Amino acid sequence: MRETRNEITSRIQALELQYRSLLQEKNTVDEEARSIRAQIDNAKLRRVETGEYSDIGWWRRANDALKHKGRESQRLQTKIAEIKQQIRAANRELNDMTREYPQGSRLVLLQMASALEAGRVIEAKAYLTALDALWPAWRELADGTGTSSK
């Protein structure tokens, strides 16, 4: 069974919430990486100015932490891209759903008019029945309620 318009909208909202959360987390990780990079740059500057080297253990830990933050940032960026792709797909699905029913109803109306012009009343009644079947879908599109499926 197909998702309703409300279900797709709810899914999009949940994905956007997850997207914002991941983006905020990535910004935090990137800020921490910038802080570590600034500390390393200050240590290099201090070595040039005074000739004094930083503790080798600190240097290794700082560089390892910087690499770790870089990998974490990449991992988060990959997740963010996946979420954005899911949001785009859900939006496309929602747009397709919005376009789909009116186009189908126009086709049925044209076929019904053609049948009436040709004097085929029974065939025209069949098309009218098809339009009645499309009505719940129209209602769902109009107010976002209902559980009709295509």
Protein backbone atom coordinates (compact mmCIF):
# COMPACT_ATOMS: atom_id res chain seq x y z
CA MET A 1 0.00 0.00 0.00
CA ARG A 2 1.22 3.44 -0.88
CA GLU A 3 2.01 6.06 1.72
CA THR A 4 -0.47 8.89 2.10
CA ARG A 5 0.46 12.51 1.65
CA ASN A 6 0.51 13.04 5.43
CA GLU A 7 2.78 10.05 5.98
CA ILE A 8 5.26 11.31 3.40
CA THR A 9 5.17 14.81 4.91
CA SER A 10 5.79 13.35 8.39
CA ARG A 11 8.70 11.30 7.03
CA ILE A 12 10.19 14.43 5.42
CA GLN A 13 9.88 16.36 8.70
CA ALA A 14 11.58 13.55 10.64
CA LEU A 15 14.39 13.40 8.08
CA GLU A 16 14.86 17.18 8.19
CA LEU A 17 15.08 17.03 11.99
CA GLN A 18 17.72 14.30 11.72
CA TYR A 19 19.53 16.36 9.04
CA ARG A 20 19.67 19.45 11.26
CA SER A 21 20.91 17.38 14.20
CA LEU A 22 23.71 15.82 12.13
CA LEU A 23 24.64 19.20 10.68
CA GLN A 24 24.91 20.67 14.17
CA GLU A 25 27.04 17.71 15.29
CA LYS A 26 29.31 18.13 12.24
CA ASN A 27 29.72 21.84 12.97
CA THR A 28 30.76 20.98 16.54
CA VAL A 29 33.31 18.42 15.30
CA ASP A 30 34.67 20.89 12.73
CA GLU A 31 34.99 23.59 15.41
CA GLU A 32 36.91 21.15 17.64
CA ALA A 33 39.20 20.30 14.70
CA ARG A 34 39.83 24.02 14.09
CA SER A 35 40.71 24.43 17.78
CA ILE A 36 43.17 21.53 17.63
CA ARG A 37 44.67 22.91 14.41
CA ALA A 38 45.09 26.32 16.11
CA GLN A 39 46.90 24.68 19.06
CA ILE A 40 49.24 22.85 16.67
CA ASP A 41 49.90 26.07 14.74
CA ASN A 42 50.64 27.90 18.01
CA ALA A 43 53.09 25.16 19.00
CA LYS A 44 54.85 25.49 15.63
CA LEU A 45 55.00 29.28 16.03
CA ARG A 46 56.40 28.93 19.56
CA ARG A 47 59.10 26.57 18.22
CA VAL A 48 60.09 29.08 15.52
CA GLU A 49 60.13 32.03 17.94
CA THR A 50 61.84 30.40 20.92
CA GLY A 51 63.44 27.29 19.46
CA GLU A 52 61.63 25.28 22.15
CA TYR A 53 59.98 22.07 20.94
CA SER A 54 56.65 20.92 22.32
CA ASP A 55 56.34 17.68 24.23
CA ILE A 56 56.50 14.81 21.73
CA GLY A 57 53.63 12.98 23.47
CA TRP A 58 51.41 16.06 23.25
CA TRP A 59 52.35 16.53 19.60
CA ARG A 60 51.37 12.94 18.74
CA ARG A 61 48.10 13.14 20.69
CA ALA A 62 47.18 16.46 19.04
CA ASN A 63 47.86 15.15 15.53
CA ASP A 64 46.00 11.90 16.25
CA ALA A 65 43.04 13.88 17.60
CA LEU A 66 43.07 16.08 14.49
CA LYS A 67 43.02 13.01 12.22
CA HIS A 68 40.23 11.48 14.29
CA LYS A 69 38.16 14.68 14.03
CA GLY A 70 38.72 14.72 10.27
CA ARG A 71 37.47 11.14 9.93
CA GLU A 72 34.50 11.90 12.17
CA SER A 73 33.66 14.95 10.05
CA GLN A 74 33.80 12.83 6.88
CA ARG A 75 31.56 10.17 8.44
CA LEU A 76 29.01 12.80 9.44
CA GLN A 77 29.18 14.41 5.99
CA THR A 78 28.40 11.02 4.41
CA LYS A 79 25.40 10.57 6.71
CA ILE A 80 24.23 14.11 5.94
CA ALA A 81 24.43 13.41 2.21
CA GLU A 82 22.40 10.20 2.63
CA ILE A 83 19.72 12.03 4.61
CA LYS A 84 19.57 14.84 2.02
CA GLN A 85 19.16 12.22 -0.70
CA GLN A 86 16.28 10.62 1.23
CA ILE A 87 14.65 14.04 1.71
CA ARG A 88 14.92 14.77 -2.02
CA ALA A 89 13.45 11.36 -2.89
CA ALA A 90 10.53 11.88 -0.49
CA ASN A 91 9.89 15.35 -1.91
CA ARG A 92 9.92 13.90 -5.44
CA GLU A 93 7.47 11.22 -4.33
CA LEU A 94 5.21 13.88 -2.82
CA ASN A 95 5.37 16.00 -5.98
CA ASP A 96 4.66 12.98 -8.18
CA MET A 97 1.67 12.11 -6.03
CA THR A 98 0.35 15.65 -6.35
CA ARG A 99 0.69 15.60 -10.14
CA GLU A 100 -0.49 12.04 -10.67
CA TYR A 101 -4.17 12.17 -9.73
CA PRO A 102 -5.24 15.29 -11.63
CA GLN A 103 -3.59 14.00 -14.82
CA GLY A 104 -5.37 10.66 -14.47
CA SER A 105 -8.70 12.37 -13.88
CA ARG A 106 -8.28 14.58 -16.95
CA LEU A 107 -7.67 11.50 -19.08
CA VAL A 108 -10.81 9.83 -17.70
CA LEU A 109 -12.85 13.00 -18.33
CA LEU A 110 -11.64 13.21 -21.92
CA GLN A 111 -12.47 9.56 -22.53
CA MET A 112 -15.92 10.03 -20.99
CA ALA A 113 -16.61 13.09 -23.16
CA SER A 114 -15.49 11.20 -26.24
CA ALA A 115 -17.79 8.29 -25.39
CA LEU A 116 -20.75 10.64 -24.82
CA GLU A 117 -20.12 12.41 -28.14
CA ALA A 118 -20.12 9.06 -29.89
CA GLY A 119 -23.36 8.07 -28.13
CA ARG A 120 -21.76 5.28 -26.09
CA VAL A 121 -23.67 5.88 -22.86
CA ILE A 122 -22.66 2.61 -21.17
CA GLU A 123 -18.98 3.33 -21.77
CA ALA A 124 -19.45 6.89 -20.46
CA LYS A 125 -21.02 5.47 -17.27
CA ALA A 126 -17.96 3.24 -16.83
CA TYR A 127 -15.71 6.31 -17.02
CA LEU A 128 -17.96 8.09 -14.52
CA THR A 129 -17.47 5.13 -12.16
CA ALA A 130 -13.70 5.47 -12.65
CA LEU A 131 -13.94 9.15 -11.69
CA ASP A 132 -15.87 8.21 -8.56
CA ALA A 133 -13.04 5.80 -7.70
CA LEU A 134 -10.55 8.66 -8.04
CA TRP A 135 -12.54 10.94 -5.73
CA PRO A 136 -11.00 9.64 -2.44
CA ALA A 137 -7.57 10.32 -3.88
CA TRP A 138 -8.59 13.88 -4.75
CA ARG A 139 -9.94 14.38 -1.26
CA GLU A 140 -6.70 13.09 0.23
CA LEU A 141 -4.71 15.52 -1.89
CA ALA A 142 -6.95 18.42 -0.94
CA ASP A 143 -6.88 18.03 2.83
CA GLY A 144 -4.20 15.42 3.50
CA THR A 145 -6.64 12.96 5.07
CA GLY A 146 -7.87 9.55 4.09
CA THR A 147 -6.17 6.27 3.40
CA SER A 148 -6.83 5.81 -0.27
CA SER A 149 -4.17 4.21 -2.39
CA LYS A 150 -3.67 4.03 -6.07
